[in-house]
C-alpha atoms as a PDB file:
ATOM      1  CA  MET A   1     106.352  91.145  84.516  1.00  0.00           C
ATOM      2  CA  SER A   2     107.551  92.674  81.266  1.00  0.00           C
ATOM      3  CA  PHE A   3     106.035  96.008  80.308  1.00  0.00           C
ATOM      4  CA  GLU A   4     106.462  95.519  76.587  1.00  0.00           C
ATOM      5  CA  GLU A   5     103.497  94.845  74.354  1.00  0.00           C
ATOM      6  CA  GLN A   6     102.070  91.585  75.648  1.00  0.00           C
ATOM      7  CA  ALA A   7      99.675  88.871  74.607  1.00  0.00           C
ATOM      8  CA  ILE A   8      97.383  88.285  77.559  1.00  0.00           C
ATOM      9  CA  GLY A   9      94.121  86.426  77.318  1.00  0.00           C
ATOM     10  CA  GLY A  10      94.604  86.119  73.587  1.00  0.00           C
ATOM     11  CA  GLY A  11      94.724  89.857  72.816  1.00  0.00           C
ATOM     12  CA  GLU A  12      97.546  92.344  72.482  1.00  0.00           C
ATOM     13  CA  ALA A  13      97.715  95.165  74.960  1.00  0.00           C
ATOM     14  CA  LEU A  14      98.721  98.723  74.180  1.00  0.00           C
ATOM     15  CA  ASP A  15     102.429  99.315  73.779  1.00  0.00           C
ATOM     16  CA  ALA A  16     102.819 100.568  77.307  1.00  0.00           C
ATOM     17  CA  SER A  17     106.443 100.124  78.258  1.00  0.00           C
ATOM     18  CA  VAL A  18     107.689 102.121  81.229  1.00  0.00           C
ATOM     19  CA  GLY A  19     107.995 105.791  80.261  1.00  0.00           C
ATOM     20  CA  THR A  20     105.473 105.607  77.422  1.00  0.00           C
ATOM     21  CA  ILE A  21     103.056 108.553  77.462  1.00  0.00           C
ATOM     22  CA  LEU A  22      99.438 107.624  76.722  1.00  0.00           C
ATOM     23  CA  GLY A  23      96.674 110.083  75.889  1.00  0.00           C
ATOM     24  CA  GLY A  24      99.231 112.899  75.753  1.00  0.00           C
ATOM     25  CA  ARG A  25      99.608 113.094  79.553  1.00  0.00           C
ATOM     26  CA  TYR A  26      99.797 109.719  81.338  1.00  0.00           C
ATOM     27  CA  ARG A  27     103.365 108.383  81.758  1.00  0.00           C
ATOM     28  CA  VAL A  28     103.333 104.601  82.353  1.00  0.00           C
ATOM     29  CA  GLN A  29     105.184 103.504  85.508  1.00  0.00           C
ATOM     30  CA  GLY A  30     104.416  99.768  85.410  1.00  0.00           C
ATOM     31  CA  THR A  31     101.729  97.081  85.252  1.00  0.00           C
ATOM     32  CA  LEU A  32      99.266  96.617  88.118  1.00  0.00           C
ATOM     33  CA  GLY A  33      97.307  93.636  86.785  1.00  0.00           C
ATOM     34  CA  SER A  34      95.617  91.995  83.856  1.00  0.00           C
ATOM     35  CA  GLY A  35      92.637  89.907  82.921  1.00  0.00           C
ATOM     36  CA  GLY A  36      91.078  88.304  79.885  1.00  0.00           C
ATOM     37  CA  MET A  37      89.767  91.553  78.413  1.00  0.00           C
ATOM     38  CA  ALA A  38      91.900  94.330  79.900  1.00  0.00           C
ATOM     39  CA  ILE A  39      95.189  95.297  81.477  1.00  0.00           C
ATOM     40  CA  VAL A  40      95.722  97.893  84.205  1.00  0.00           C
ATOM     41  CA  TYR A  41      98.803 100.103  84.284  1.00  0.00           C
ATOM     42  CA  GLU A  42     100.107 102.437  86.945  1.00  0.00           C
ATOM     43  CA  ALA A  43     100.856 105.874  85.523  1.00  0.00           C
ATOM     44  CA  GLU A  44     101.706 109.435  86.482  1.00  0.00           C
ATOM     45  CA  ASP A  45      99.322 112.160  85.329  1.00  0.00           C
ATOM     46  CA  ALA A  46     101.789 114.740  83.985  1.00  0.00           C
ATOM     47  CA  VAL A  47      99.209 117.550  84.154  1.00  0.00           C
ATOM     48  CA  LEU A  48      97.945 117.049  87.716  1.00  0.00           C
ATOM     49  CA  GLY A  49     101.031 115.319  89.108  1.00  0.00           C
ATOM     50  CA  ARG A  50      99.182 112.380  90.627  1.00  0.00           C
ATOM     51  CA  ARG A  51      99.432 108.624  90.450  1.00  0.00           C
ATOM     52  CA  VAL A  52      96.606 106.972  88.476  1.00  0.00           C
ATOM     53  CA  ALA A  53      95.537 103.574  87.185  1.00  0.00           C
ATOM     54  CA  LEU A  54      94.882 103.123  83.455  1.00  0.00           C
ATOM     55  CA  LYS A  55      92.493 100.313  82.522  1.00  0.00           C
ATOM     56  CA  THR A  56      92.730  99.531  78.829  1.00  0.00           C
ATOM     57  CA  LEU A  57      91.075  96.978  76.603  1.00  0.00           C
ATOM     58  CA  HIS A  58      93.224  94.452  74.773  1.00  0.00           C
ATOM     59  CA  ARG A  59      93.487  95.481  71.119  1.00  0.00           C
ATOM     60  CA  ARG A  60      91.260  92.725  69.764  1.00  0.00           C
ATOM     61  CA  TYR A  61      88.394  93.866  72.010  1.00  0.00           C
ATOM     62  CA  ALA A  62      89.070  97.546  71.326  1.00  0.00           C
ATOM     63  CA  GLU A  63      88.556  96.851  67.627  1.00  0.00           C
ATOM     64  CA  GLU A  64      85.043  95.477  68.249  1.00  0.00           C
ATOM     65  CA  VAL A  65      82.401  98.204  68.435  1.00  0.00           C
ATOM     66  CA  SER A  66      80.270  96.348  71.010  1.00  0.00           C
ATOM     67  CA  PHE A  67      83.202  95.903  73.421  1.00  0.00           C
ATOM     68  CA  ARG A  68      84.342  99.509  73.011  1.00  0.00           C
ATOM     69  CA  SER A  69      80.814 100.720  73.633  1.00  0.00           C
ATOM     70  CA  ARG A  70      80.461  98.576  76.759  1.00  0.00           C
ATOM     71  CA  PHE A  71      83.876  99.731  78.008  1.00  0.00           C
ATOM     72  CA  GLU A  72      82.981 103.396  77.508  1.00  0.00           C
ATOM     73  CA  GLN A  73      79.619 102.812  79.192  1.00  0.00           C
ATOM     74  CA  GLU A  74      81.452 101.224  82.151  1.00  0.00           C
ATOM     75  CA  ALA A  75      83.629 104.340  82.441  1.00  0.00           C
ATOM     76  CA  GLY A  76      80.591 106.615  82.468  1.00  0.00           C
ATOM     77  CA  VAL A  77      78.805 104.523  85.073  1.00  0.00           C
ATOM     78  CA  MET A  78      81.903 104.341  87.287  1.00  0.00           C
ATOM     79  CA  ALA A  79      82.428 108.092  86.990  1.00  0.00           C
ATOM     80  CA  SER A  80      78.863 108.713  88.171  1.00  0.00           C
ATOM     81  CA  LEU A  81      79.496 106.933  91.480  1.00  0.00           C
ATOM     82  CA  ASP A  82      80.995 108.798  94.446  1.00  0.00           C
ATOM     83  CA  HIS A  83      81.501 106.498  97.430  1.00  0.00           C
ATOM     84  CA  GLU A  84      84.515 106.008  99.695  1.00  0.00           C
ATOM     85  CA  ASN A  85      84.624 102.273  98.906  1.00  0.00           C
ATOM     86  CA  ILE A  86      84.394 102.594  95.117  1.00  0.00           C
ATOM     87  CA  VAL A  87      87.408 103.492  92.954  1.00  0.00           C
ATOM     88  CA  LYS A  88      86.975 106.966  91.474  1.00  0.00           C
ATOM     89  CA  VAL A  89      87.159 107.499  87.708  1.00  0.00           C
ATOM     90  CA  TYR A  90      88.899 110.685  86.585  1.00  0.00           C
ATOM     91  CA  ASP A  91      88.841 110.471  82.790  1.00  0.00           C
ATOM     92  CA  ILE A  92      88.396 108.317  79.707  1.00  0.00           C
ATOM     93  CA  SER A  93      90.868 108.690  76.884  1.00  0.00           C
ATOM     94  CA  GLN A  94      92.390 106.667  74.105  1.00  0.00           C
ATOM     95  CA  GLU A  95      95.681 105.894  72.454  1.00  0.00           C
ATOM     96  CA  GLY A  96      95.128 105.348  68.759  1.00  0.00           C
ATOM     97  CA  GLU A  97      92.028 103.160  68.573  1.00  0.00           C
ATOM     98  CA  VAL A  98      92.435 101.711  72.080  1.00  0.00           C
ATOM     99  CA  PRO A  99      90.360 103.390  74.811  1.00  0.00           C
ATOM    100  CA  PHE A 100      91.412 103.513  78.457  1.00  0.00           C
ATOM    101  CA  ILE A 101      89.842 104.527  81.739  1.00  0.00           C
ATOM    102  CA  VAL A 102      91.856 106.770  84.058  1.00  0.00           C
ATOM    103  CA  ALA A 103      91.048 105.987  87.682  1.00  0.00           C
ATOM    104  CA  GLU A 104      92.219 106.432  91.232  1.00  0.00           C
ATOM    105  CA  CYS A 105      95.253 104.254  91.922  1.00  0.00           C
ATOM    106  CA  ILE A 106      94.808 102.339  95.171  1.00  0.00           C
ATOM    107  CA  ALA A 107      97.983 101.686  97.167  1.00  0.00           C
ATOM    108  CA  GLY A 108      97.410  98.371  98.863  1.00  0.00           C
ATOM    109  CA  ARG A 109      96.528  94.766  98.067  1.00  0.00           C
ATOM    110  CA  ASP A 110      93.605  92.790  96.781  1.00  0.00           C
ATOM    111  CA  VAL A 111      91.766  90.326  99.003  1.00  0.00           C
ATOM    112  CA  GLY A 112      92.622  87.425  96.679  1.00  0.00           C
ATOM    113  CA  ASP A 113      96.359  87.950  97.251  1.00  0.00           C
ATOM    114  CA  MET A 114      95.781  88.399 100.970  1.00  0.00           C
ATOM    115  CA  MET A 115      93.944  85.069 101.062  1.00  0.00           C
ATOM    116  CA  LYS A 116      96.744  83.299  99.160  1.00  0.00           C
ATOM    117  CA  ASP A 117      99.321  84.639 101.612  1.00  0.00           C
ATOM    118  CA  ALA A 118      97.160  83.500 104.547  1.00  0.00           C
ATOM    119  CA  GLY A 119      96.766  79.948 103.236  1.00  0.00           C
ATOM    120  CA  GLY A 120      93.304  80.510 101.775  1.00  0.00           C
ATOM    121  CA  ARG A 121      91.604  81.978 104.845  1.00  0.00           C
ATOM    122  CA  LEU A 122      91.574  85.392 106.437  1.00  0.00           C
ATOM    123  CA  GLY A 123      90.922  85.910 110.122  1.00  0.00           C
ATOM    124  CA  GLU A 124      87.477  86.794 111.431  1.00  0.00           C
ATOM    125  CA  ARG A 125      88.536  90.335 112.447  1.00  0.00           C
ATOM    126  CA  ILE A 126      89.817  91.125 108.942  1.00  0.00           C
ATOM    127  CA  MET A 127      86.783  89.567 107.255  1.00  0.00           C
ATOM    128  CA  ARG A 128      84.342  91.525 109.416  1.00  0.00           C
ATOM    129  CA  ALA A 129      86.104  94.778 108.529  1.00  0.00           C
ATOM    130  CA  VAL A 130      86.175  93.912 104.813  1.00  0.00           C
ATOM    131  CA  ALA A 131      82.562  92.689 104.722  1.00  0.00           C
ATOM    132  CA  GLY A 132      81.234  95.758 106.510  1.00  0.00           C
ATOM    133  CA  GLN A 133      82.809  98.125 104.023  1.00  0.00           C
ATOM    134  CA  LEU A 134      82.219  95.884 101.028  1.00  0.00           C
ATOM    135  CA  LEU A 135      78.470  95.724 101.559  1.00  0.00           C
ATOM    136  CA  GLY A 136      78.168  99.510 101.598  1.00  0.00           C
ATOM    137  CA  ALA A 137      79.594  99.919  98.095  1.00  0.00           C
ATOM    138  CA  PRO A 138      77.159  97.698  96.138  1.00  0.00           C
ATOM    139  CA  ASP A 139      74.272  99.009  98.251  1.00  0.00           C
ATOM    140  CA  TYR A 140      75.179 102.560  97.193  1.00  0.00           C
ATOM    141  CA  ALA A 141      75.571 101.482  93.547  1.00  0.00           C
ATOM    142  CA  HIS A 142      72.327  99.459  93.520  1.00  0.00           C
ATOM    143  CA  ARG A 143      70.364 102.460  94.786  1.00  0.00           C
ATOM    144  CA  ARG A 144      71.636 104.254  91.667  1.00  0.00           C
ATOM    145  CA  GLY A 145      70.682 101.425  89.319  1.00  0.00           C
ATOM    146  CA  VAL A 146      74.199  99.979  88.949  1.00  0.00           C
ATOM    147  CA  ILE A 147      75.005  96.303  89.457  1.00  0.00           C
ATOM    148  CA  HIS A 148      78.684  95.219  89.631  1.00  0.00           C
ATOM    149  CA  ARG A 149      78.584  91.741  88.012  1.00  0.00           C
ATOM    150  CA  ASP A 150      82.075  90.687  89.058  1.00  0.00           C
ATOM    151  CA  ILE A 151      82.562  91.013  92.810  1.00  0.00           C
ATOM    152  CA  LYS A 152      85.329  88.584  93.742  1.00  0.00           C
ATOM    153  CA  PRO A 153      88.382  88.652  96.042  1.00  0.00           C
ATOM    154  CA  SER A 154      90.787  89.826  93.312  1.00  0.00           C
ATOM    155  CA  ASN A 155      88.509  92.819  92.583  1.00  0.00           C
ATOM    156  CA  ILE A 156      88.384  93.982  96.202  1.00  0.00           C
ATOM    157  CA  LEU A 157      91.274  96.315  96.997  1.00  0.00           C
ATOM    158  CA  ILE A 158      92.326  97.124 100.559  1.00  0.00           C
ATOM    159  CA  THR A 159      94.342 100.283 101.198  1.00  0.00           C
ATOM    160  CA  GLN A 160      97.290 100.309 103.556  1.00  0.00           C
ATOM    161  CA  GLU A 161      94.997 102.049 106.052  1.00  0.00           C
ATOM    162  CA  GLY A 162      92.483  99.183 105.894  1.00  0.00           C
ATOM    163  CA  THR A 163      89.797 100.802 103.702  1.00  0.00           C
END
């Protein structure tokens, strides 16, 4: 995938070519994924020396106050959660008028890709392990008044260690 400014889902993303520094400290390493409203980049935090994920709104959504507000609210909610099966949020920043969330970068794969590689089905052993951990995360969030509205295979990341 090209790292130049892209049109994805009808909106331009930040100019985040490899080597670009966003927010004064996050050096873009590549693209991790994209959706209709946002794109996720892999970056290096130049201050703390760690690998992070940057989730940024497409420009057209960043320009709308309601989307920006919802995005910033999402960052605050995510940052308030501390559970081993929920991605940790480190920061929220912006580049120009485009906000981005700085989060833990998970080395591994998403369940959607795993299912594609397995012909649409994962084995019972893998599914039991995934389901057991997966159910703990929304339970924790729900007890804190947070509901994830988009749990799907492509949003479930599995580390190389199986978490």
